[in-house]
Amino acid sequence: MLTINEILAQELGQKQEYVDNVVQLIDEGNTIPFIARYRKELHGSMDDTALRTLEERLAYLRNLTERKESVKASIAEQEKLTDELAAAIDAAQTL
């Protein structure tokens, strides 16, 4: 199963290294304009639009992962979670 950063690299057609760097900068609280202007060595040739898309998809994929875990926990609480159901939830692209 791919990590969130690997998914982002594939979706955006960017090098894994650049995606990892940008995610780290975002997690450290840096803004997109700051990253675009002052951290070009860390993101290669991504422009503001690509960086914003990455930021939005990152938030979406993180929320999706949290929601999947929440759904699985809720079903497990009811003692109805099967391996097949857990795998189907994990494979879901949207919830």
C-alpha atoms as a PDB file:
ATOM      1  CA  MET A   1       0.000   0.000   0.000  1.00  0.00           C
ATOM      2  CA  LEU A   2       1.349   3.404  -0.948  1.00  0.00           C
ATOM      3  CA  THR A   3       2.039   6.131   1.578  1.00  0.00           C
ATOM      4  CA  ILE A   4       0.330   9.502   1.305  1.00  0.00           C
ATOM      5  CA  ASN A   5       3.545  11.090   0.041  1.00  0.00           C
ATOM      6  CA  GLU A   6       3.945   8.394  -2.623  1.00  0.00           C
ATOM      7  CA  ILE A   7       0.368   8.943  -3.774  1.00  0.00           C
ATOM      8  CA  LEU A   8       0.993  12.690  -3.994  1.00  0.00           C
ATOM      9  CA  ALA A   9       4.198  12.194  -5.999  1.00  0.00           C
ATOM     10  CA  GLN A  10       2.351   9.984  -8.482  1.00  0.00           C
ATOM     11  CA  GLU A  11      -0.700  12.231  -8.772  1.00  0.00           C
ATOM     12  CA  LEU A  12       1.358  15.384  -9.260  1.00  0.00           C
ATOM     13  CA  GLY A  13       4.076  13.819 -11.381  1.00  0.00           C
ATOM     14  CA  GLN A  14       6.775  15.105  -9.023  1.00  0.00           C
ATOM     15  CA  LYS A  15       9.891  13.494  -7.606  1.00  0.00           C
ATOM     16  CA  GLN A  16       9.338  11.746  -4.293  1.00  0.00           C
ATOM     17  CA  GLU A  17      12.141  13.790  -2.710  1.00  0.00           C
ATOM     18  CA  TYR A  18      10.436  17.093  -3.570  1.00  0.00           C
ATOM     19  CA  VAL A  19       7.064  15.936  -2.269  1.00  0.00           C
ATOM     20  CA  ASP A  20       8.661  14.742   0.981  1.00  0.00           C
ATOM     21  CA  ASN A  21      10.418  18.094   1.378  1.00  0.00           C
ATOM     22  CA  VAL A  22       7.257  20.125   0.765  1.00  0.00           C
ATOM     23  CA  VAL A  23       5.184  17.986   3.144  1.00  0.00           C
ATOM     24  CA  GLN A  24       7.830  18.496   5.822  1.00  0.00           C
ATOM     25  CA  LEU A  25       7.838  22.265   5.228  1.00  0.00           C
ATOM     26  CA  ILE A  26       4.026  22.377   5.429  1.00  0.00           C
ATOM     27  CA  ASP A  27       4.071  20.306   8.627  1.00  0.00           C
ATOM     28  CA  GLU A  28       6.581  22.764  10.090  1.00  0.00           C
ATOM     29  CA  GLY A  29       4.053  25.569   9.522  1.00  0.00           C
ATOM     30  CA  ASN A  30       5.546  27.208   6.440  1.00  0.00           C
ATOM     31  CA  THR A  31       3.119  28.915   4.071  1.00  0.00           C
ATOM     32  CA  ILE A  32       2.832  28.126   0.384  1.00  0.00           C
ATOM     33  CA  PRO A  33       4.056  31.604  -0.695  1.00  0.00           C
ATOM     34  CA  PHE A  34       7.112  31.216   1.568  1.00  0.00           C
ATOM     35  CA  ILE A  35       7.856  27.731   0.248  1.00  0.00           C
ATOM     36  CA  ALA A  36       7.397  28.854  -3.372  1.00  0.00           C
ATOM     37  CA  ARG A  37       9.619  31.896  -3.014  1.00  0.00           C
ATOM     38  CA  TYR A  38      12.343  30.910  -0.569  1.00  0.00           C
ATOM     39  CA  ARG A  39      12.614  27.119  -0.683  1.00  0.00           C
ATOM     40  CA  LYS A  40      12.975  26.457  -4.417  1.00  0.00           C
ATOM     41  CA  GLU A  41      15.920  24.131  -3.794  1.00  0.00           C
ATOM     42  CA  LEU A  42      13.603  21.855  -1.808  1.00  0.00           C
ATOM     43  CA  HIS A  43      10.698  21.647  -4.260  1.00  0.00           C
ATOM     44  CA  GLY A  44      12.351  21.785  -7.642  1.00  0.00           C
ATOM     45  CA  SER A  45      10.177  23.529 -10.177  1.00  0.00           C
ATOM     46  CA  MET A  46       6.784  23.432  -8.472  1.00  0.00           C
ATOM     47  CA  ASP A  47       4.890  26.687  -8.829  1.00  0.00           C
ATOM     48  CA  ASP A  48       2.326  28.151  -6.421  1.00  0.00           C
ATOM     49  CA  THR A  49      -0.513  26.235  -8.079  1.00  0.00           C
ATOM     50  CA  ALA A  50       1.240  22.869  -7.815  1.00  0.00           C
ATOM     51  CA  LEU A  51       2.190  23.576  -4.195  1.00  0.00           C
ATOM     52  CA  ARG A  52      -1.388  24.532  -3.307  1.00  0.00           C
ATOM     53  CA  THR A  53      -2.704  21.414  -5.024  1.00  0.00           C
ATOM     54  CA  LEU A  54      -0.224  19.332  -3.043  1.00  0.00           C
ATOM     55  CA  GLU A  55      -1.304  21.027   0.198  1.00  0.00           C
ATOM     56  CA  GLU A  56      -5.011  20.451  -0.542  1.00  0.00           C
ATOM     57  CA  ARG A  57      -4.527  16.805  -1.550  1.00  0.00           C
ATOM     58  CA  LEU A  58      -2.335  16.227   1.509  1.00  0.00           C
ATOM     59  CA  ALA A  59      -5.097  17.495   3.796  1.00  0.00           C
ATOM     60  CA  TYR A  60      -7.713  15.437   1.930  1.00  0.00           C
ATOM     61  CA  LEU A  61      -5.699  12.208   2.048  1.00  0.00           C
ATOM     62  CA  ARG A  62      -4.843  12.676   5.730  1.00  0.00           C
ATOM     63  CA  ASN A  63      -8.512  13.272   6.563  1.00  0.00           C
ATOM     64  CA  LEU A  64      -9.500  10.249   4.486  1.00  0.00           C
ATOM     65  CA  THR A  65      -7.029   8.062   6.363  1.00  0.00           C
ATOM     66  CA  GLU A  66      -8.346   9.303   9.714  1.00  0.00           C
ATOM     67  CA  ARG A  67     -11.930   8.696   8.614  1.00  0.00           C
ATOM     68  CA  LYS A  68     -11.137   5.153   7.445  1.00  0.00           C
ATOM     69  CA  GLU A  69      -9.611   4.365  10.834  1.00  0.00           C
ATOM     70  CA  SER A  70     -12.624   5.878  12.585  1.00  0.00           C
ATOM     71  CA  VAL A  71     -15.039   3.785  10.510  1.00  0.00           C
ATOM     72  CA  LYS A  72     -13.059   0.603  11.129  1.00  0.00           C
ATOM     73  CA  ALA A  73     -12.917   1.326  14.871  1.00  0.00           C
ATOM     74  CA  SER A  74     -16.664   1.892  14.963  1.00  0.00           C
ATOM     75  CA  ILE A  75     -17.365  -1.373  13.137  1.00  0.00           C
ATOM     76  CA  ALA A  76     -14.852  -3.231  15.320  1.00  0.00           C
ATOM     77  CA  GLU A  77     -16.612  -1.876  18.405  1.00  0.00           C
ATOM     78  CA  GLN A  78     -19.741  -3.618  17.179  1.00  0.00           C
ATOM     79  CA  GLU A  79     -17.656  -6.773  16.658  1.00  0.00           C
ATOM     80  CA  LYS A  80     -18.636  -6.893  12.977  1.00  0.00           C
ATOM     81  CA  LEU A  81     -15.287  -6.015  11.383  1.00  0.00           C
ATOM     82  CA  THR A  82     -14.028  -8.791   9.130  1.00  0.00           C
ATOM     83  CA  ASP A  83     -10.700  -8.956   7.300  1.00  0.00           C
ATOM     84  CA  GLU A  84     -12.522  -8.522   3.992  1.00  0.00           C
ATOM     85  CA  LEU A  85     -14.406  -5.461   5.226  1.00  0.00           C
ATOM     86  CA  ALA A  86     -11.229  -3.909   6.666  1.00  0.00           C
ATOM     87  CA  ALA A  87      -9.443  -4.489   3.343  1.00  0.00           C
ATOM     88  CA  ALA A  88     -12.335  -2.917   1.421  1.00  0.00           C
ATOM     89  CA  ILE A  89     -12.293   0.141   3.677  1.00  0.00           C
ATOM     90  CA  ASP A  90      -8.514   0.459   3.331  1.00  0.00           C
ATOM     91  CA  ALA A  91      -8.799   0.245  -0.464  1.00  0.00           C
ATOM     92  CA  ALA A  92     -11.485   2.928  -0.671  1.00  0.00           C
ATOM     93  CA  GLN A  93     -10.409   6.144  -2.403  1.00  0.00           C
ATOM     94  CA  THR A  94     -13.312   8.189  -1.037  1.00  0.00           C
ATOM     95  CA  LEU A  95     -15.674   7.925   1.893  1.00  0.00           C
END
